[in-house]
N, C-alpha and C. Protein backbone atom coordinates (compact mmCIF):
# COMPACT_ATOMS: atom_id res chain seq x y z
N MET A 1 -79.16 285.06 259.54
CA MET A 1 -80.28 285.96 259.71
C MET A 1 -81.11 285.99 258.43
N ILE A 2 -82.40 286.03 258.59
CA ILE A 2 -83.31 286.14 257.46
C ILE A 2 -83.24 287.56 256.92
N GLN A 3 -83.16 287.70 255.59
CA GLN A 3 -83.01 289.00 254.97
C GLN A 3 -84.26 289.41 254.19
N GLN A 4 -84.45 290.71 254.12
CA GLN A 4 -85.56 291.26 253.34
C GLN A 4 -85.41 290.83 251.88
N GLY A 5 -86.51 290.41 251.28
CA GLY A 5 -86.49 289.99 249.89
C GLY A 5 -86.28 288.50 249.69
N GLU A 6 -85.90 287.78 250.76
CA GLU A 6 -85.72 286.34 250.62
C GLU A 6 -87.08 285.65 250.51
N ILE A 7 -87.10 284.55 249.78
CA ILE A 7 -88.32 283.78 249.57
C ILE A 7 -88.14 282.43 250.24
N TYR A 8 -89.05 282.09 251.13
CA TYR A 8 -89.01 280.83 251.86
C TYR A 8 -90.26 280.02 251.58
N LEU A 9 -90.13 278.73 251.65
CA LEU A 9 -91.31 277.87 251.62
C LEU A 9 -91.90 277.91 253.02
N TYR A 10 -93.14 278.33 253.11
CA TYR A 10 -93.84 278.48 254.39
C TYR A 10 -94.78 277.30 254.54
N SER A 11 -94.63 276.59 255.64
CA SER A 11 -95.42 275.38 255.86
C SER A 11 -96.14 275.49 257.20
N ASP A 12 -97.40 275.84 257.12
CA ASP A 12 -98.26 275.99 258.29
C ASP A 12 -99.30 274.87 258.24
N PRO A 13 -99.56 274.18 259.34
CA PRO A 13 -100.51 273.07 259.31
C PRO A 13 -101.91 273.45 258.82
N ARG A 14 -102.27 274.72 258.88
CA ARG A 14 -103.61 275.15 258.48
C ARG A 14 -103.77 275.36 256.98
N ILE A 15 -102.65 275.54 256.27
CA ILE A 15 -102.71 275.82 254.83
C ILE A 15 -101.61 275.03 254.11
N PRO A 16 -101.79 274.78 252.82
CA PRO A 16 -100.75 274.04 252.09
C PRO A 16 -99.45 274.85 252.01
N PRO A 17 -98.32 274.19 251.92
CA PRO A 17 -97.04 274.92 251.79
C PRO A 17 -97.03 275.80 250.54
N HIS A 18 -96.48 276.99 250.69
CA HIS A 18 -96.36 277.91 249.57
C HIS A 18 -95.24 278.90 249.85
N PRO A 19 -94.69 279.51 248.79
CA PRO A 19 -93.63 280.50 249.00
C PRO A 19 -94.17 281.80 249.60
N VAL A 20 -93.36 282.38 250.49
CA VAL A 20 -93.64 283.70 251.03
C VAL A 20 -92.39 284.56 250.84
N VAL A 21 -92.61 285.87 250.70
CA VAL A 21 -91.52 286.81 250.54
C VAL A 21 -91.39 287.63 251.82
N VAL A 22 -90.20 287.67 252.39
CA VAL A 22 -89.95 288.45 253.60
C VAL A 22 -89.85 289.93 253.20
N VAL A 23 -90.66 290.78 253.84
CA VAL A 23 -90.66 292.21 253.53
C VAL A 23 -90.18 293.07 254.69
N SER A 24 -90.05 292.50 255.87
CA SER A 24 -89.60 293.30 257.01
C SER A 24 -88.12 293.65 256.87
N ARG A 25 -87.77 294.77 257.44
CA ARG A 25 -86.38 295.26 257.41
C ARG A 25 -85.47 294.28 258.13
N GLU A 26 -84.23 294.19 257.66
CA GLU A 26 -83.31 293.20 258.21
C GLU A 26 -83.06 293.38 259.70
N GLU A 27 -83.00 294.62 260.19
CA GLU A 27 -82.76 294.81 261.62
C GLU A 27 -83.93 294.29 262.46
N LEU A 28 -85.11 294.13 261.87
CA LEU A 28 -86.25 293.56 262.57
C LEU A 28 -86.29 292.04 262.46
N ASN A 29 -85.47 291.46 261.61
CA ASN A 29 -85.47 290.02 261.38
C ASN A 29 -84.42 289.28 262.20
N CYS A 30 -83.79 289.97 263.14
CA CYS A 30 -82.71 289.35 263.90
C CYS A 30 -83.22 288.45 265.02
N GLY A 31 -84.49 288.55 265.36
CA GLY A 31 -85.05 287.66 266.38
C GLY A 31 -85.32 286.28 265.79
N ASP A 32 -85.83 285.41 266.60
CA ASP A 32 -86.08 284.05 266.12
C ASP A 32 -87.56 283.68 266.17
N ARG A 33 -88.43 284.68 266.14
CA ARG A 33 -89.86 284.42 266.30
C ARG A 33 -90.68 284.64 265.03
N VAL A 34 -90.72 285.89 264.55
CA VAL A 34 -91.57 286.22 263.40
C VAL A 34 -90.87 287.22 262.47
N VAL A 35 -91.29 287.20 261.22
CA VAL A 35 -90.91 288.21 260.25
C VAL A 35 -92.18 288.65 259.54
N ALA A 36 -92.17 289.83 258.95
CA ALA A 36 -93.31 290.26 258.13
C ALA A 36 -93.10 289.69 256.73
N ALA A 37 -94.14 289.06 256.21
CA ALA A 37 -94.03 288.41 254.90
C ALA A 37 -95.33 288.58 254.13
N VAL A 38 -95.25 288.35 252.82
CA VAL A 38 -96.42 288.34 251.95
C VAL A 38 -96.47 287.01 251.22
N ILE A 39 -97.67 286.58 250.93
CA ILE A 39 -97.92 285.27 250.33
C ILE A 39 -97.89 285.38 248.81
N THR A 40 -97.50 284.30 248.15
CA THR A 40 -97.60 284.24 246.70
C THR A 40 -98.83 283.44 246.30
N SER A 41 -99.29 283.68 245.08
CA SER A 41 -100.45 282.97 244.54
C SER A 41 -100.14 282.51 243.13
N ALA A 42 -100.60 281.33 242.78
CA ALA A 42 -100.39 280.79 241.43
C ALA A 42 -101.43 281.30 240.44
N LYS A 43 -102.39 282.10 240.87
CA LYS A 43 -103.43 282.62 239.97
C LYS A 43 -102.88 283.81 239.18
N PHE A 44 -101.94 283.51 238.31
CA PHE A 44 -101.15 284.51 237.61
C PHE A 44 -101.95 285.31 236.59
N ALA A 45 -102.68 284.64 235.73
CA ALA A 45 -103.34 285.30 234.59
C ALA A 45 -104.25 286.43 235.03
N VAL A 46 -105.05 286.22 236.03
CA VAL A 46 -106.01 287.22 236.48
C VAL A 46 -105.35 288.27 237.36
N ARG A 47 -104.56 287.82 238.31
CA ARG A 47 -104.05 288.72 239.35
C ARG A 47 -102.80 289.50 238.97
N SER A 48 -102.07 289.10 237.95
CA SER A 48 -100.80 289.76 237.63
C SER A 48 -100.97 291.19 237.14
N LYS A 49 -102.17 291.59 236.77
CA LYS A 49 -102.42 292.94 236.25
C LYS A 49 -102.85 293.94 237.33
N LEU A 50 -103.08 293.47 238.55
CA LEU A 50 -103.58 294.34 239.62
C LEU A 50 -102.46 295.19 240.22
N ALA A 51 -102.80 296.40 240.66
CA ALA A 51 -101.81 297.34 241.20
C ALA A 51 -101.20 296.87 242.52
N ASN A 52 -101.91 296.02 243.23
CA ASN A 52 -101.40 295.54 244.52
C ASN A 52 -100.71 294.19 244.39
N ARG A 53 -100.26 293.85 243.21
CA ARG A 53 -99.58 292.57 242.98
C ARG A 53 -98.29 292.80 242.20
N VAL A 54 -97.31 291.96 242.46
CA VAL A 54 -96.07 291.94 241.68
C VAL A 54 -95.94 290.54 241.11
N ALA A 55 -95.81 290.46 239.80
CA ALA A 55 -95.73 289.18 239.11
C ALA A 55 -94.30 288.65 239.11
N LEU A 56 -94.17 287.34 239.31
CA LEU A 56 -92.88 286.65 239.21
C LEU A 56 -93.02 285.54 238.18
N LYS A 57 -92.08 285.45 237.28
CA LYS A 57 -92.11 284.42 236.24
C LYS A 57 -91.33 283.19 236.71
N ALA A 58 -91.76 282.04 236.25
CA ALA A 58 -91.05 280.78 236.53
C ALA A 58 -89.59 280.93 236.07
N GLY A 59 -88.69 280.40 236.89
CA GLY A 59 -87.28 280.47 236.56
C GLY A 59 -86.57 281.69 237.15
N HIS A 60 -87.33 282.62 237.71
CA HIS A 60 -86.75 283.80 238.34
C HIS A 60 -86.91 283.71 239.85
N PHE A 61 -85.89 284.08 240.56
CA PHE A 61 -85.92 284.16 242.03
C PHE A 61 -86.27 282.83 242.70
N GLY A 62 -85.97 281.73 242.06
CA GLY A 62 -86.22 280.41 242.63
C GLY A 62 -87.64 279.89 242.43
N MET A 63 -88.46 280.63 241.68
CA MET A 63 -89.84 280.20 241.48
C MET A 63 -89.90 279.13 240.37
N THR A 64 -90.70 278.10 240.60
CA THR A 64 -90.82 277.02 239.62
C THR A 64 -92.00 277.21 238.68
N LYS A 65 -92.91 278.15 239.01
CA LYS A 65 -94.02 278.46 238.11
C LYS A 65 -94.37 279.93 238.26
N ASP A 66 -95.07 280.47 237.26
CA ASP A 66 -95.51 281.86 237.32
C ASP A 66 -96.39 282.06 238.55
N CYS A 67 -96.21 283.19 239.22
CA CYS A 67 -97.04 283.49 240.39
C CYS A 67 -97.07 285.00 240.59
N VAL A 68 -97.89 285.43 241.53
CA VAL A 68 -97.94 286.83 241.92
C VAL A 68 -97.74 286.92 243.42
N ILE A 69 -97.14 288.02 243.83
CA ILE A 69 -97.01 288.31 245.26
C ILE A 69 -98.23 289.13 245.64
N GLN A 70 -98.96 288.66 246.64
CA GLN A 70 -100.19 289.32 247.08
C GLN A 70 -99.87 290.25 248.24
N GLU A 71 -99.63 291.51 247.94
CA GLU A 71 -99.20 292.45 248.97
C GLU A 71 -100.24 292.68 250.06
N GLU A 72 -101.52 292.50 249.72
CA GLU A 72 -102.55 292.66 250.76
C GLU A 72 -102.55 291.52 251.77
N SER A 73 -101.73 290.49 251.52
CA SER A 73 -101.66 289.35 252.45
C SER A 73 -100.55 289.51 253.48
N LEU A 74 -100.06 290.71 253.67
CA LEU A 74 -99.00 290.97 254.64
C LEU A 74 -99.37 290.38 256.00
N PHE A 75 -98.47 289.57 256.57
CA PHE A 75 -98.77 288.94 257.86
C PHE A 75 -97.49 288.69 258.64
N ASN A 76 -97.64 288.46 259.94
CA ASN A 76 -96.51 288.08 260.78
C ASN A 76 -96.30 286.58 260.60
N ALA A 77 -95.21 286.21 259.97
CA ALA A 77 -94.92 284.81 259.67
C ALA A 77 -94.02 284.23 260.76
N PRO A 78 -94.54 283.33 261.57
CA PRO A 78 -93.68 282.68 262.56
C PRO A 78 -92.56 281.91 261.85
N THR A 79 -91.34 282.18 262.24
CA THR A 79 -90.21 281.54 261.56
C THR A 79 -90.17 280.04 261.79
N LEU A 80 -90.90 279.53 262.77
CA LEU A 80 -90.93 278.08 262.98
C LEU A 80 -91.62 277.36 261.83
N HIS A 81 -92.40 278.10 261.01
CA HIS A 81 -93.05 277.52 259.83
C HIS A 81 -92.21 277.70 258.56
N MET A 82 -91.02 278.28 258.74
CA MET A 82 -90.06 278.44 257.65
C MET A 82 -88.85 277.59 258.01
N ASP A 83 -87.98 277.35 257.08
CA ASP A 83 -86.80 276.55 257.40
C ASP A 83 -85.52 277.33 257.10
N PRO A 84 -85.13 278.25 258.02
CA PRO A 84 -83.92 279.04 257.78
C PRO A 84 -82.66 278.18 257.66
N ALA A 85 -82.65 277.00 258.29
CA ALA A 85 -81.47 276.12 258.19
C ALA A 85 -81.26 275.65 256.75
N THR A 86 -82.35 275.38 256.04
CA THR A 86 -82.26 274.98 254.64
C THR A 86 -81.96 276.19 253.77
N GLY A 87 -82.39 277.34 254.22
CA GLY A 87 -82.16 278.57 253.48
C GLY A 87 -83.31 278.93 252.57
N PRO A 88 -83.23 280.13 252.00
CA PRO A 88 -84.30 280.59 251.12
C PRO A 88 -84.28 279.83 249.79
N ILE A 89 -85.45 279.77 249.15
CA ILE A 89 -85.52 279.16 247.82
C ILE A 89 -85.12 280.17 246.76
N GLY A 90 -85.08 281.44 247.13
CA GLY A 90 -84.67 282.49 246.21
C GLY A 90 -84.63 283.82 246.92
N LYS A 91 -84.22 284.85 246.20
CA LYS A 91 -84.20 286.21 246.75
C LYS A 91 -84.49 287.19 245.62
N LEU A 92 -85.36 288.16 245.91
CA LEU A 92 -85.70 289.18 244.93
C LEU A 92 -84.51 290.09 244.68
N ASP A 93 -84.41 290.59 243.46
CA ASP A 93 -83.40 291.61 243.19
C ASP A 93 -83.92 292.95 243.72
N ASP A 94 -83.06 293.97 243.74
CA ASP A 94 -83.44 295.26 244.31
C ASP A 94 -84.62 295.91 243.60
N VAL A 95 -84.67 295.80 242.29
CA VAL A 95 -85.76 296.42 241.53
C VAL A 95 -87.10 295.78 241.88
N THR A 96 -87.14 294.46 241.93
CA THR A 96 -88.39 293.76 242.25
C THR A 96 -88.80 294.00 243.70
N LEU A 97 -87.83 294.02 244.61
CA LEU A 97 -88.14 294.30 246.01
C LEU A 97 -88.76 295.69 246.15
N ARG A 98 -88.23 296.67 245.41
CA ARG A 98 -88.81 298.02 245.45
C ARG A 98 -90.26 298.00 244.96
N GLU A 99 -90.54 297.21 243.92
CA GLU A 99 -91.91 297.08 243.42
C GLU A 99 -92.82 296.49 244.49
N VAL A 100 -92.34 295.51 245.21
CA VAL A 100 -93.13 294.86 246.27
C VAL A 100 -93.44 295.87 247.38
N VAL A 101 -92.45 296.63 247.83
CA VAL A 101 -92.66 297.61 248.89
C VAL A 101 -93.64 298.69 248.43
N ARG A 102 -93.51 299.13 247.18
CA ARG A 102 -94.47 300.12 246.66
C ARG A 102 -95.88 299.56 246.62
N ALA A 103 -96.02 298.29 246.23
CA ALA A 103 -97.35 297.67 246.16
C ALA A 103 -97.95 297.51 247.56
N VAL A 104 -97.11 297.22 248.56
CA VAL A 104 -97.60 297.18 249.95
C VAL A 104 -98.11 298.57 250.32
N GLY A 105 -97.39 299.60 249.93
CA GLY A 105 -97.84 300.98 250.17
C GLY A 105 -99.17 301.27 249.49
N TYR A 106 -99.35 300.75 248.29
CA TYR A 106 -100.61 300.95 247.57
C TYR A 106 -101.77 300.36 248.38
N VAL A 107 -101.56 299.18 248.96
CA VAL A 107 -102.59 298.52 249.76
C VAL A 107 -102.96 299.40 250.96
N MET A 108 -101.99 300.07 251.55
CA MET A 108 -102.22 300.89 252.74
C MET A 108 -102.49 302.36 252.42
N ASP A 109 -102.56 302.70 251.13
CA ASP A 109 -102.73 304.08 250.68
C ASP A 109 -101.62 304.97 251.25
N SER A 110 -100.38 304.51 251.08
CA SER A 110 -99.21 305.21 251.58
C SER A 110 -98.14 305.21 250.49
N ASP A 111 -97.30 306.19 250.50
CA ASP A 111 -96.20 306.24 249.55
C ASP A 111 -94.97 305.55 250.14
N CYS A 112 -94.98 304.24 250.13
CA CYS A 112 -93.87 303.46 250.66
C CYS A 112 -92.75 303.43 249.63
N VAL A 113 -91.57 303.83 250.06
CA VAL A 113 -90.39 303.77 249.21
C VAL A 113 -89.29 303.11 250.04
N PRO A 114 -88.74 302.00 249.56
CA PRO A 114 -87.69 301.33 250.34
C PRO A 114 -86.40 302.13 250.35
N ASN A 115 -85.58 301.86 251.36
CA ASN A 115 -84.26 302.51 251.45
C ASN A 115 -83.34 302.00 250.38
């Protein structure tokens, strides 16, 4: 089962492959169709300072270069564009996952606090 906080390489024919972070709750990820995910961006220098972004450094959580998680890019990610058989390229720790959920809340003007 895909878990919250896991990072997968997402490969959709419309856009180049890039890492996405699963943000949906684990009980919602038990199906085989879609999960809620957010996209990462390599535009680190400019975007890493924004309130709706969480920065990830190369070498952490399976990332090969500095990037930011773009919380405003929350979308339903069809799992057919991910490769659960290969497994995640990384997984966020609890502290970073909490930052991501809070930043999603900031985008929606809500006080999101993970369990």
